Structure formats: C-alpha cells, structure tokens
Amino acid sequence: MDREATIRHQLQTCKTIAVVGLSPKPHRESIGVSRVMQSLGYRIIPINPLVSAQGGGVLGEKAYASLAEAAQHERIDLVNIFRNSDDVPPVVDEAIAIGAAGVWMQIGIAHAAAKAKAEAAGLLVVENACLKVEHWRHRGS
C-alpha cells in the first residue's frame, strides 16, 4: 500500500489512538493534535509514564505508563508517536506486541529500521506526518 493509501486507511479504520508522549502541557503539539482528533470522534489513550505515576490523565482519559499497560484495558488501533526518532524502536516493539494495526510518527519523526520491522510484522506505518493535518487533507476521501 502506498503512503497516501496507508494514510487514508488509518484515518478511516483506526478509531482508538494511543498517543505515546501525550503531554498535558497546553503549549505542546501532542495535546493540540490529540484534542482535535478527539473532537472528531477518535478515542485518545494517553501514554505518559509521568502523568500515569501521578494517577492523572489527559483530555479526560486515564494515562498509562506504557502501551503494554494500556492494552490490558483498551483495544488500541493506532499508535501515534510524539517522541524523538531515537525513541521509536521500543515503541514499535510494543505496538507489535499489543497487536496494533498501525504506527504513526508525527512530523520530524522517522526511523527506517523501526518502520521496516513494523511493516514486516504487518503494521501500516506513516512517518514524518501530522495526524491532524492529514485528517483535514484527506477528509471526504
């Protein structure tokens, strides 16, 4: 599947999105993107060990320390990554382990080896793209 088809497929079929690195800080892109996606009907599952350790949440949803912990309570379709590119491989390993359908790396985030590993495991992968921007660009398609 080419990049555009992958983007369309993920936007149309992945309704529960675990956001790795979702920050409650209002100036962070992760919360802005997640807030918009939530307002469009997507379920957002925050993955943030610091917020989780404090027993908190983000956007009205309980925060989890890891994808593995979240997957014990939630079905996760898509893993949206707001972390440095060097931090992507263990996130992809967890996404594979929990049976996520796809991985999305936000603008500026890419990791060729992790992408190849995810794709070899059957996950659809998008790198270096904003989920919110792509939703608006592909709406109606």
Protein backbone atom coordinates (compact mmCIF):
# COMPACT_ATOMS: atom_id res chain seq x y z
CA MET A 1 0.00 0.00 0.00
CA ASP A 2 1.46 3.41 -0.90
CA ARG A 3 1.77 6.28 1.60
CA GLU A 4 -1.46 8.05 0.60
CA ALA A 5 -3.47 4.83 0.74
CA THR A 6 -1.94 4.00 4.12
CA ILE A 7 -2.87 7.43 5.49
CA ARG A 8 -6.45 7.15 4.22
CA HIS A 9 -6.79 3.62 5.57
CA GLN A 10 -5.53 4.55 9.03
CA LEU A 11 -7.76 7.62 9.24
CA GLN A 12 -10.82 5.62 8.20
CA THR A 13 -10.29 2.46 10.23
CA CYS A 14 -8.24 3.31 13.32
CA LYS A 15 -10.64 4.90 15.79
CA THR A 16 -8.73 4.29 19.05
CA ILE A 17 -5.37 6.03 19.09
CA ALA A 18 -2.74 5.58 21.80
CA VAL A 19 -0.61 8.72 21.87
CA VAL A 20 2.91 7.99 23.14
CA GLY A 21 4.33 11.16 24.63
CA LEU A 22 0.97 12.92 25.09
CA SER A 23 1.68 15.88 27.34
CA PRO A 24 -0.94 17.75 29.39
CA LYS A 25 1.01 20.99 28.83
CA PRO A 26 -1.14 23.30 26.69
CA HIS A 27 1.76 24.58 24.55
CA ARG A 28 2.76 21.09 23.35
CA GLU A 29 1.79 19.88 19.90
CA SER A 30 0.81 16.48 21.26
CA ILE A 31 -2.15 17.86 23.18
CA GLY A 32 -3.25 20.16 20.37
CA VAL A 33 -3.28 17.37 17.80
CA SER A 34 -4.90 14.92 20.21
CA ARG A 35 -7.58 17.40 21.24
CA VAL A 36 -8.58 17.94 17.61
CA MET A 37 -8.62 14.22 16.84
CA GLN A 38 -10.72 13.60 19.96
CA SER A 39 -13.18 16.31 18.87
CA LEU A 40 -13.50 14.49 15.53
CA GLY A 41 -14.64 11.30 17.28
CA TYR A 42 -11.37 9.42 17.73
CA ARG A 43 -10.72 7.88 21.14
CA ILE A 44 -7.41 9.09 22.56
CA ILE A 45 -5.46 6.94 25.02
CA PRO A 46 -2.60 8.91 26.68
CA ILE A 47 0.72 7.12 27.13
CA ASN A 48 2.83 9.16 29.53
CA PRO A 49 4.63 7.49 32.45
CA LEU A 50 4.97 10.73 34.46
CA VAL A 51 1.27 11.56 34.27
CA SER A 52 0.37 7.92 34.93
CA ALA A 53 2.62 7.78 38.02
CA GLN A 54 0.68 10.73 39.44
CA GLY A 55 -2.60 8.91 38.82
CA GLY A 56 -3.65 11.50 36.29
CA GLY A 57 -4.98 11.71 32.81
CA VAL A 58 -5.06 13.90 29.75
CA LEU A 59 -8.11 15.11 27.82
CA GLY A 60 -10.40 13.31 30.25
CA GLU A 61 -8.75 9.92 29.61
CA LYS A 62 -6.68 7.89 32.07
CA ALA A 63 -2.97 7.99 31.26
CA TYR A 64 -0.98 4.77 31.10
CA ALA A 65 2.74 4.29 31.65
CA SER A 66 3.17 2.12 28.55
CA LEU A 67 1.36 0.68 25.57
CA ALA A 68 1.50 -2.75 27.21
CA GLU A 69 -0.30 -1.43 30.29
CA ALA A 70 -2.90 0.41 28.21
CA ALA A 71 -3.55 -2.68 26.09
CA GLN A 72 -4.59 -4.59 29.21
CA HIS A 73 -7.58 -2.23 29.45
CA GLU A 74 -8.13 -0.81 25.96
CA ARG A 75 -8.13 -2.04 22.36
CA ILE A 76 -5.59 0.13 20.52
CA ASP A 77 -5.85 0.51 16.75
CA LEU A 78 -3.12 3.07 16.08
CA VAL A 79 -0.02 4.18 17.97
CA ASN A 80 0.74 7.87 17.39
CA ILE A 81 4.30 8.75 18.42
CA PHE A 82 5.33 12.13 19.82
CA ARG A 83 8.87 11.16 20.85
CA ASN A 84 12.34 11.65 19.41
CA SER A 85 13.23 9.44 16.47
CA ASP A 86 15.79 7.59 18.60
CA ASP A 87 12.98 6.58 20.99
CA VAL A 88 10.87 4.96 18.24
CA PRO A 89 12.22 1.35 18.19
CA PRO A 90 10.95 0.29 21.63
CA VAL A 91 7.59 1.95 20.92
CA VAL A 92 7.32 -0.02 17.68
CA ASP A 93 8.23 -3.22 19.55
CA GLU A 94 5.37 -2.56 21.98
CA ALA A 95 2.97 -1.69 19.16
CA ILE A 96 3.76 -5.03 17.52
CA ALA A 97 3.40 -6.88 20.84
CA ILE A 98 -0.05 -5.43 21.58
CA GLY A 99 -1.36 -6.12 18.08
CA ALA A 100 -1.88 -2.53 16.97
CA ALA A 101 -2.89 -2.13 13.33
CA GLY A 102 -0.57 0.77 12.68
CA VAL A 103 2.07 3.22 13.82
CA TRP A 104 2.09 6.93 13.05
CA MET A 105 5.20 9.07 13.57
CA GLN A 106 4.47 12.78 13.78
CA ILE A 107 6.27 15.50 11.78
CA GLY A 108 10.03 15.27 12.17
CA ILE A 109 9.91 11.70 13.47
CA ALA A 110 11.20 8.80 11.37
CA HIS A 111 13.17 5.63 11.93
CA ALA A 112 13.83 3.42 8.90
CA ALA A 113 14.72 0.23 10.82
CA ALA A 114 11.71 0.53 13.13
CA LYS A 115 9.44 1.21 10.16
CA ALA A 116 10.76 -1.87 8.35
CA LYS A 117 10.28 -4.01 11.48
CA ALA A 118 6.71 -2.79 11.95
CA GLU A 119 5.85 -3.37 8.30
CA ALA A 120 7.40 -6.86 8.41
CA ALA A 121 5.07 -7.57 11.35
CA GLY A 122 2.07 -6.44 9.30
CA LEU A 123 1.56 -2.95 10.72
CA LEU A 124 0.84 0.01 8.48
CA VAL A 125 3.32 2.83 9.10
CA VAL A 126 3.33 6.56 8.40
CA GLU A 127 6.44 8.63 9.15
CA ASN A 128 7.02 12.36 9.34
CA ALA A 129 3.39 13.46 9.06
CA CYS A 130 0.88 15.20 11.30
CA LEU A 131 -2.23 13.16 12.04
CA LYS A 132 -4.38 16.29 12.33
CA VAL A 133 -3.10 17.84 9.10
CA GLU A 134 -3.54 14.60 7.20
CA HIS A 135 -7.08 14.22 8.54
CA TRP A 136 -8.01 17.64 7.16
CA ARG A 137 -6.21 16.95 3.88
CA HIS A 138 -7.98 13.61 3.39
CA ARG A 139 -11.44 14.41 4.75
CA GLY A 140 -14.06 13.19 2.39
CA SER A 141 -11.71 10.78 0.60
